[in-house]
PDB file of N, CA and C in Angstrom:
ATOM      1  N   MET A   1      14.963 -60.947   8.883  1.00  0.00           N
ATOM      2  CA  MET A   1      14.077 -60.327   9.374  1.00  0.00           C
ATOM      3  C   MET A   1      14.529 -58.886   9.691  1.00  0.00           C
ATOM      4  N   SER A   2      13.314 -57.996   9.736  1.00  0.00           N
ATOM      5  CA  SER A   2      13.797 -56.774   9.805  1.00  0.00           C
ATOM      6  C   SER A   2      13.239 -55.967  11.271  1.00  0.00           C
ATOM      7  N   TYR A   3      13.948 -55.397  11.801  1.00  0.00           N
ATOM      8  CA  TYR A   3      13.681 -54.858  13.079  1.00  0.00           C
ATOM      9  C   TYR A   3      13.066 -53.076  12.952  1.00  0.00           C
ATOM     10  N   HIS A   4      12.205 -52.980  14.034  1.00  0.00           N
ATOM     11  CA  HIS A   4      11.758 -51.322  13.949  1.00  0.00           C
ATOM     12  C   HIS A   4      12.320 -50.653  14.697  1.00  0.00           C
ATOM     13  N   VAL A   5      12.768 -49.763  14.373  1.00  0.00           N
ATOM     14  CA  VAL A   5      13.512 -48.641  14.974  1.00  0.00           C
ATOM     15  C   VAL A   5      12.886 -47.545  14.841  1.00  0.00           C
ATOM     16  N   GLU A   6      13.066 -46.727  16.439  1.00  0.00           N
ATOM     17  CA  GLU A   6      12.412 -45.457  16.427  1.00  0.00           C
ATOM     18  C   GLU A   6      13.332 -44.419  16.931  1.00  0.00           C
ATOM     19  N   ILE A   7      13.459 -43.199  15.916  1.00  0.00           N
ATOM     20  CA  ILE A   7      14.351 -42.148  16.428  1.00  0.00           C
ATOM     21  C   ILE A   7      13.645 -41.068  17.068  1.00  0.00           C
ATOM     22  N   THR A   8      14.354 -40.658  18.187  1.00  0.00           N
ATOM     23  CA  THR A   8      13.541 -39.380  18.757  1.00  0.00           C
ATOM     24  C   THR A   8      13.587 -38.151  17.985  1.00  0.00           C
ATOM     25  N   GLU A   9      13.201 -36.921  18.439  1.00  0.00           N
ATOM     26  CA  GLU A   9      13.183 -35.814  17.628  1.00  0.00           C
ATOM     27  C   GLU A   9      14.439 -35.271  17.897  1.00  0.00           C
ATOM     28  N   GLU A  10      14.860 -35.470  19.025  1.00  0.00           N
ATOM     29  CA  GLU A  10      16.008 -34.431  19.222  1.00  0.00           C
ATOM     30  C   GLU A  10      17.239 -35.476  18.448  1.00  0.00           C
ATOM     31  N   ALA A  11      17.112 -36.762  18.467  1.00  0.00           N
ATOM     32  CA  ALA A  11      18.229 -37.274  17.584  1.00  0.00           C
ATOM     33  C   ALA A  11      18.134 -37.298  16.307  1.00  0.00           C
ATOM     34  N   ILE A  12      16.983 -36.954  15.528  1.00  0.00           N
ATOM     35  CA  ILE A  12      16.954 -36.383  14.069  1.00  0.00           C
ATOM     36  C   ILE A  12      17.373 -35.008  13.931  1.00  0.00           C
ATOM     37  N   GLU A  13      17.200 -34.260  14.927  1.00  0.00           N
ATOM     38  CA  GLU A  13      17.753 -32.658  14.998  1.00  0.00           C
ATOM     39  C   GLU A  13      19.387 -32.797  15.034  1.00  0.00           C
ATOM     40  N   PHE A  14      19.983 -33.474  15.697  1.00  0.00           N
ATOM     41  CA  PHE A  14      21.121 -33.793  16.178  1.00  0.00           C
ATOM     42  C   PHE A  14      21.654 -34.520  14.628  1.00  0.00           C
ATOM     43  N   ILE A  15      21.355 -35.498  13.884  1.00  0.00           N
ATOM     44  CA  ILE A  15      21.756 -35.940  12.828  1.00  0.00           C
ATOM     45  C   ILE A  15      22.059 -34.845  11.762  1.00  0.00           C
ATOM     46  N   LEU A  16      20.532 -34.186  11.481  1.00  0.00           N
ATOM     47  CA  LEU A  16      20.470 -33.304  10.517  1.00  0.00           C
ATOM     48  C   LEU A  16      21.435 -32.027  10.956  1.00  0.00           C
ATOM     49  N   SER A  17      22.286 -31.780  12.005  1.00  0.00           N
ATOM     50  CA  SER A  17      23.191 -31.060  12.028  1.00  0.00           C
ATOM     51  C   SER A  17      24.281 -31.341  11.660  1.00  0.00           C
ATOM     52  N   LEU A  18      24.715 -32.472  11.321  1.00  0.00           N
ATOM     53  CA  LEU A  18      26.156 -32.941  11.174  1.00  0.00           C
ATOM     54  C   LEU A  18      26.161 -32.792   9.479  1.00  0.00           C
ATOM     55  N   PRO A  19      27.487 -32.653   8.942  1.00  0.00           N
ATOM     56  CA  PRO A  19      27.832 -33.007   7.497  1.00  0.00           C
ATOM     57  C   PRO A  19      26.921 -34.016   6.731  1.00  0.00           C
ATOM     58  N   VAL A  20      26.746 -33.527   5.485  1.00  0.00           N
ATOM     59  CA  VAL A  20      25.801 -34.366   4.654  1.00  0.00           C
ATOM     60  C   VAL A  20      26.440 -35.892   4.772  1.00  0.00           C
ATOM     61  N   LYS A  21      27.664 -36.123   4.464  1.00  0.00           N
ATOM     62  CA  LYS A  21      28.396 -37.461   4.732  1.00  0.00           C
ATOM     63  C   LYS A  21      28.360 -38.168   5.716  1.00  0.00           C
ATOM     64  N   MET A  22      28.230 -37.472   6.990  1.00  0.00           N
ATOM     65  CA  MET A  22      28.201 -38.204   8.201  1.00  0.00           C
ATOM     66  C   MET A  22      27.007 -38.630   8.337  1.00  0.00           C
ATOM     67  N   GLN A  23      25.654 -37.696   8.040  1.00  0.00           N
ATOM     68  CA  GLN A  23      24.291 -38.224   7.797  1.00  0.00           C
ATOM     69  C   GLN A  23      24.009 -39.269   7.067  1.00  0.00           C
ATOM     70  N   ALA A  24      24.759 -39.743   5.913  1.00  0.00           N
ATOM     71  CA  ALA A  24      24.536 -40.727   5.392  1.00  0.00           C
ATOM     72  C   ALA A  24      25.066 -41.981   5.748  1.00  0.00           C
ATOM     73  N   LYS A  25      26.465 -41.740   6.364  1.00  0.00           N
ATOM     74  CA  LYS A  25      26.729 -43.089   7.196  1.00  0.00           C
ATOM     75  C   LYS A  25      25.973 -43.318   8.328  1.00  0.00           C
ATOM     76  N   ILE A  26      25.494 -42.275   8.996  1.00  0.00           N
ATOM     77  CA  ILE A  26      24.532 -42.881  10.205  1.00  0.00           C
ATOM     78  C   ILE A  26      23.266 -43.488   9.729  1.00  0.00           C
ATOM     79  N   LEU A  27      22.657 -43.300   8.716  1.00  0.00           N
ATOM     80  CA  LEU A  27      21.543 -43.576   7.971  1.00  0.00           C
ATOM     81  C   LEU A  27      22.022 -45.056   7.518  1.00  0.00           C
ATOM     82  N   ARG A  28      23.166 -45.311   6.979  1.00  0.00           N
ATOM     83  CA  ARG A  28      23.458 -46.584   6.651  1.00  0.00           C
ATOM     84  C   ARG A  28      23.934 -47.620   7.837  1.00  0.00           C
ATOM     85  N   THR A  29      24.212 -47.332   8.955  1.00  0.00           N
ATOM     86  CA  THR A  29      24.311 -47.859  10.243  1.00  0.00           C
ATOM     87  C   THR A  29      23.118 -48.340  10.853  1.00  0.00           C
ATOM     88  N   ILE A  30      21.970 -47.277  10.704  1.00  0.00           N
ATOM     89  CA  ILE A  30      20.772 -47.450  11.168  1.00  0.00           C
ATOM     90  C   ILE A  30      20.174 -48.475  10.353  1.00  0.00           C
ATOM     91  N   ASN A  31      19.967 -48.284   8.990  1.00  0.00           N
ATOM     92  CA  ASN A  31      19.613 -49.521   8.440  1.00  0.00           C
ATOM     93  C   ASN A  31      20.174 -50.934   8.535  1.00  0.00           C
ATOM     94  N   LEU A  32      21.557 -50.606   9.125  1.00  0.00           N
ATOM     95  CA  LEU A  32      21.910 -52.293   9.662  1.00  0.00           C
ATOM     96  C   LEU A  32      21.733 -52.454  10.740  1.00  0.00           C
ATOM     97  N   LEU A  33      21.306 -51.602  11.630  1.00  0.00           N
ATOM     98  CA  LEU A  33      20.637 -51.850  12.771  1.00  0.00           C
ATOM     99  C   LEU A  33      19.149 -52.681  12.557  1.00  0.00           C
ATOM    100  N   LYS A  34      18.424 -51.769  11.769  1.00  0.00           N
ATOM    101  CA  LYS A  34      17.494 -52.588  11.340  1.00  0.00           C
ATOM    102  C   LYS A  34      17.277 -53.719  10.574  1.00  0.00           C
ATOM    103  N   GLU A  35      18.385 -54.195  10.024  1.00  0.00           N
ATOM    104  CA  GLU A  35      18.393 -55.425   9.259  1.00  0.00           C
ATOM    105  C   GLU A  35      18.991 -56.508  10.334  1.00  0.00           C
ATOM    106  N   PHE A  36      19.666 -56.156  11.133  1.00  0.00           N
ATOM    107  CA  PHE A  36      20.476 -57.017  11.878  1.00  0.00           C
ATOM    108  C   PHE A  36      19.969 -57.224  13.398  1.00  0.00           C
ATOM    109  N   GLY A  37      19.565 -56.195  13.779  1.00  0.00           N
ATOM    110  CA  GLY A  37      19.203 -56.048  15.214  1.00  0.00           C
ATOM    111  C   GLY A  37      20.300 -56.451  16.338  1.00  0.00           C
ATOM    112  N   TYR A  38      19.654 -57.299  17.299  1.00  0.00           N
ATOM    113  CA  TYR A  38      20.359 -57.870  18.242  1.00  0.00           C
ATOM    114  C   TYR A  38      21.947 -58.579  17.807  1.00  0.00           C
ATOM    115  N   SER A  39      21.841 -58.695  16.443  1.00  0.00           N
ATOM    116  CA  SER A  39      23.000 -59.441  15.839  1.00  0.00           C
ATOM    117  C   SER A  39      24.269 -58.301  15.371  1.00  0.00           C
ATOM    118  N   LEU A  40      23.584 -57.073  15.464  1.00  0.00           N
ATOM    119  CA  LEU A  40      24.439 -56.217  14.760  1.00  0.00           C
ATOM    120  C   LEU A  40      25.785 -55.892  15.867  1.00  0.00           C
ATOM    121  N   SER A  41      27.043 -56.172  15.418  1.00  0.00           N
ATOM    122  CA  SER A  41      28.223 -55.831  16.410  1.00  0.00           C
ATOM    123  C   SER A  41      29.229 -55.363  15.827  1.00  0.00           C
ATOM    124  N   GLU A  42      30.377 -54.966  16.518  1.00  0.00           N
ATOM    125  CA  GLU A  42      31.432 -54.215  15.999  1.00  0.00           C
ATOM    126  C   GLU A  42      31.931 -54.708  14.641  1.00  0.00           C
ATOM    127  N   PRO A  43      32.559 -53.649  14.083  1.00  0.00           N
ATOM    128  CA  PRO A  43      32.296 -51.872  14.423  1.00  0.00           C
ATOM    129  C   PRO A  43      31.325 -51.527  14.518  1.00  0.00           C
ATOM    130  N   HIS A  44      30.100 -51.689  13.980  1.00  0.00           N
ATOM    131  CA  HIS A  44      28.979 -50.776  13.883  1.00  0.00           C
ATOM    132  C   HIS A  44      28.201 -50.775  15.117  1.00  0.00           C
ATOM    133  N   SER A  45      28.270 -51.750  16.331  1.00  0.00           N
ATOM    134  CA  SER A  45      27.755 -51.416  17.281  1.00  0.00           C
ATOM    135  C   SER A  45      28.345 -52.137  18.532  1.00  0.00           C
ATOM    136  N   LYS A  46      28.484 -51.832  19.693  1.00  0.00           N
ATOM    137  CA  LYS A  46      29.099 -51.901  20.968  1.00  0.00           C
ATOM    138  C   LYS A  46      28.305 -52.001  22.143  1.00  0.00           C
ATOM    139  N   LYS A  47      27.807 -52.938  23.006  1.00  0.00           N
ATOM    140  CA  LYS A  47      27.341 -52.909  24.198  1.00  0.00           C
ATOM    141  C   LYS A  47      28.134 -52.133  25.311  1.00  0.00           C
ATOM    142  N   LEU A  48      27.293 -51.079  26.143  1.00  0.00           N
ATOM    143  CA  LEU A  48      28.140 -50.367  27.045  1.00  0.00           C
ATOM    144  C   LEU A  48      28.371 -51.360  28.267  1.00  0.00           C
ATOM    145  N   LYS A  49      29.498 -51.269  28.728  1.00  0.00           N
ATOM    146  CA  LYS A  49      29.938 -52.167  29.519  1.00  0.00           C
ATOM    147  C   LYS A  49      29.139 -51.769  31.414  1.00  0.00           C
ATOM    148  N   SER A  50      28.988 -50.089  31.342  1.00  0.00           N
ATOM    149  CA  SER A  50      28.519 -49.656  32.452  1.00  0.00           C
ATOM    150  C   SER A  50      27.150 -49.357  32.727  1.00  0.00           C
ATOM    151  N   ILE A  51      26.426 -49.486  31.369  1.00  0.00           N
ATOM    152  CA  ILE A  51      25.002 -49.250  31.485  1.00  0.00           C
ATOM    153  C   ILE A  51      24.612 -50.755  31.294  1.00  0.00           C
ATOM    154  N   ASP A  52      23.829 -50.997  31.770  1.00  0.00           N
ATOM    155  CA  ASP A  52      23.157 -52.552  31.092  1.00  0.00           C
ATOM    156  C   ASP A  52      21.953 -52.314  30.333  1.00  0.00           C
ATOM    157  N   GLY A  53      22.189 -53.155  29.440  1.00  0.00           N
ATOM    158  CA  GLY A  53      21.033 -52.973  28.371  1.00  0.00           C
ATOM    159  C   GLY A  53      21.158 -51.676  27.013  1.00  0.00           C
ATOM    160  N   VAL A  54      22.169 -51.014  27.464  1.00  0.00           N
ATOM    161  CA  VAL A  54      22.351 -49.935  26.294  1.00  0.00           C
ATOM    162  C   VAL A  54      23.686 -50.381  25.595  1.00  0.00           C
ATOM    163  N   PHE A  55      23.547 -49.923  24.376  1.00  0.00           N
ATOM    164  CA  PHE A  55      24.279 -50.129  23.252  1.00  0.00           C
ATOM    165  C   PHE A  55      24.524 -48.642  22.665  1.00  0.00           C
ATOM    166  N   GLU A  56      25.564 -48.734  21.688  1.00  0.00           N
ATOM    167  CA  GLU A  56      25.935 -47.357  21.091  1.00  0.00           C
ATOM    168  C   GLU A  56      26.324 -47.868  19.490  1.00  0.00           C
ATOM    169  N   LEU A  57      25.795 -47.134  18.371  1.00  0.00           N
ATOM    170  CA  LEU A  57      25.995 -47.205  16.950  1.00  0.00           C
ATOM    171  C   LEU A  57      27.255 -46.439  17.082  1.00  0.00           C
ATOM    172  N   ARG A  58      28.184 -46.809  16.278  1.00  0.00           N
ATOM    173  CA  ARG A  58      29.686 -46.593  16.296  1.00  0.00           C
ATOM    174  C   ARG A  58      29.542 -45.777  14.872  1.00  0.00           C
ATOM    175  N   ILE A  59      29.911 -44.685  14.383  1.00  0.00           N
ATOM    176  CA  ILE A  59      30.040 -44.082  12.937  1.00  0.00           C
ATOM    177  C   ILE A  59      31.373 -43.354  12.924  1.00  0.00           C
ATOM    178  N   LYS A  60      32.205 -43.635  12.134  1.00  0.00           N
ATOM    179  CA  LYS A  60      33.511 -43.224  11.744  1.00  0.00           C
ATOM    180  C   LYS A  60      33.611 -42.733  10.140  1.00  0.00           C
ATOM    181  N   LEU A  61      33.717 -41.419  10.079  1.00  0.00           N
ATOM    182  CA  LEU A  61      33.931 -40.843   8.890  1.00  0.00           C
ATOM    183  C   LEU A  61      35.547 -39.994   8.852  1.00  0.00           C
ATOM    184  N   GLY A  62      36.237 -40.551   8.526  1.00  0.00           N
ATOM    185  CA  GLY A  62      37.883 -39.978   8.682  1.00  0.00           C
ATOM    186  C   GLY A  62      38.254 -40.002  10.022  1.00  0.00           C
ATOM    187  N   SER A  63      38.310 -38.791  10.489  1.00  0.00           N
ATOM    188  CA  SER A  63      38.920 -38.636  11.672  1.00  0.00           C
ATOM    189  C   SER A  63      37.755 -38.311  12.732  1.00  0.00           C
ATOM    190  N   ASP A  64      36.346 -38.090  12.139  1.00  0.00           N
ATOM    191  CA  ASP A  64      35.138 -37.825  12.914  1.00  0.00           C
ATOM    192  C   ASP A  64      34.771 -39.252  13.205  1.00  0.00           C
ATOM    193  N   ILE A  65      33.958 -38.992  14.421  1.00  0.00           N
ATOM    194  CA  ILE A  65      33.417 -40.420  15.091  1.00  0.00           C
ATOM    195  C   ILE A  65      32.226 -39.779  15.689  1.00  0.00           C
ATOM    196  N   CYS A  66      31.317 -40.565  15.442  1.00  0.00           N
ATOM    197  CA  CYS A  66      29.688 -40.284  16.079  1.00  0.00           C
ATOM    198  C   CYS A  66      28.848 -41.407  16.740  1.00  0.00           C
ATOM    199  N   ARG A  67      28.724 -41.016  17.853  1.00  0.00           N
ATOM    200  CA  ARG A  67      28.356 -42.047  18.864  1.00  0.00           C
ATOM    201  C   ARG A  67      26.611 -42.115  19.008  1.00  0.00           C
ATOM    202  N   LEU A  68      25.760 -42.910  18.809  1.00  0.00           N
ATOM    203  CA  LEU A  68      24.260 -42.823  19.265  1.00  0.00           C
ATOM    204  C   LEU A  68      24.103 -43.863  20.135  1.00  0.00           C
ATOM    205  N   PHE A  69      23.260 -43.745  20.942  1.00  0.00           N
ATOM    206  CA  PHE A  69      22.954 -44.754  21.938  1.00  0.00           C
ATOM    207  C   PHE A  69      21.735 -45.393  21.763  1.00  0.00           C
ATOM    208  N   TYR A  70      21.349 -46.311  22.186  1.00  0.00           N
ATOM    209  CA  TYR A  70      20.184 -47.303  21.722  1.00  0.00           C
ATOM    210  C   TYR A  70      19.651 -48.586  22.439  1.00  0.00           C
ATOM    211  N   PHE A  71      18.751 -48.827  22.650  1.00  0.00           N
ATOM    212  CA  PHE A  71      18.276 -50.201  23.723  1.00  0.00           C
ATOM    213  C   PHE A  71      17.395 -50.537  22.905  1.00  0.00           C
ATOM    214  N   PHE A  72      16.863 -52.113  23.168  1.00  0.00           N
ATOM    215  CA  PHE A  72      16.106 -52.915  22.938  1.00  0.00           C
ATOM    216  C   PHE A  72      14.524 -53.194  23.921  1.00  0.00           C
TER     217      PHE A  72
END
């Protein structure tokens, strides 16, 4: 099954401001979210404990870490 993912203009601008290798890892992780949806788990996705219904995509490249928040 394939899930639909919408990305805000602000998120696109943020992603494009990052180094190319990080952009590639982010796009790969977004594609995993499209493929697995609710089933995507760590290390790629994690539910935030403090905010009900909000998750984070977790992208790591070397010592750099990027978090993108999403919800269903």
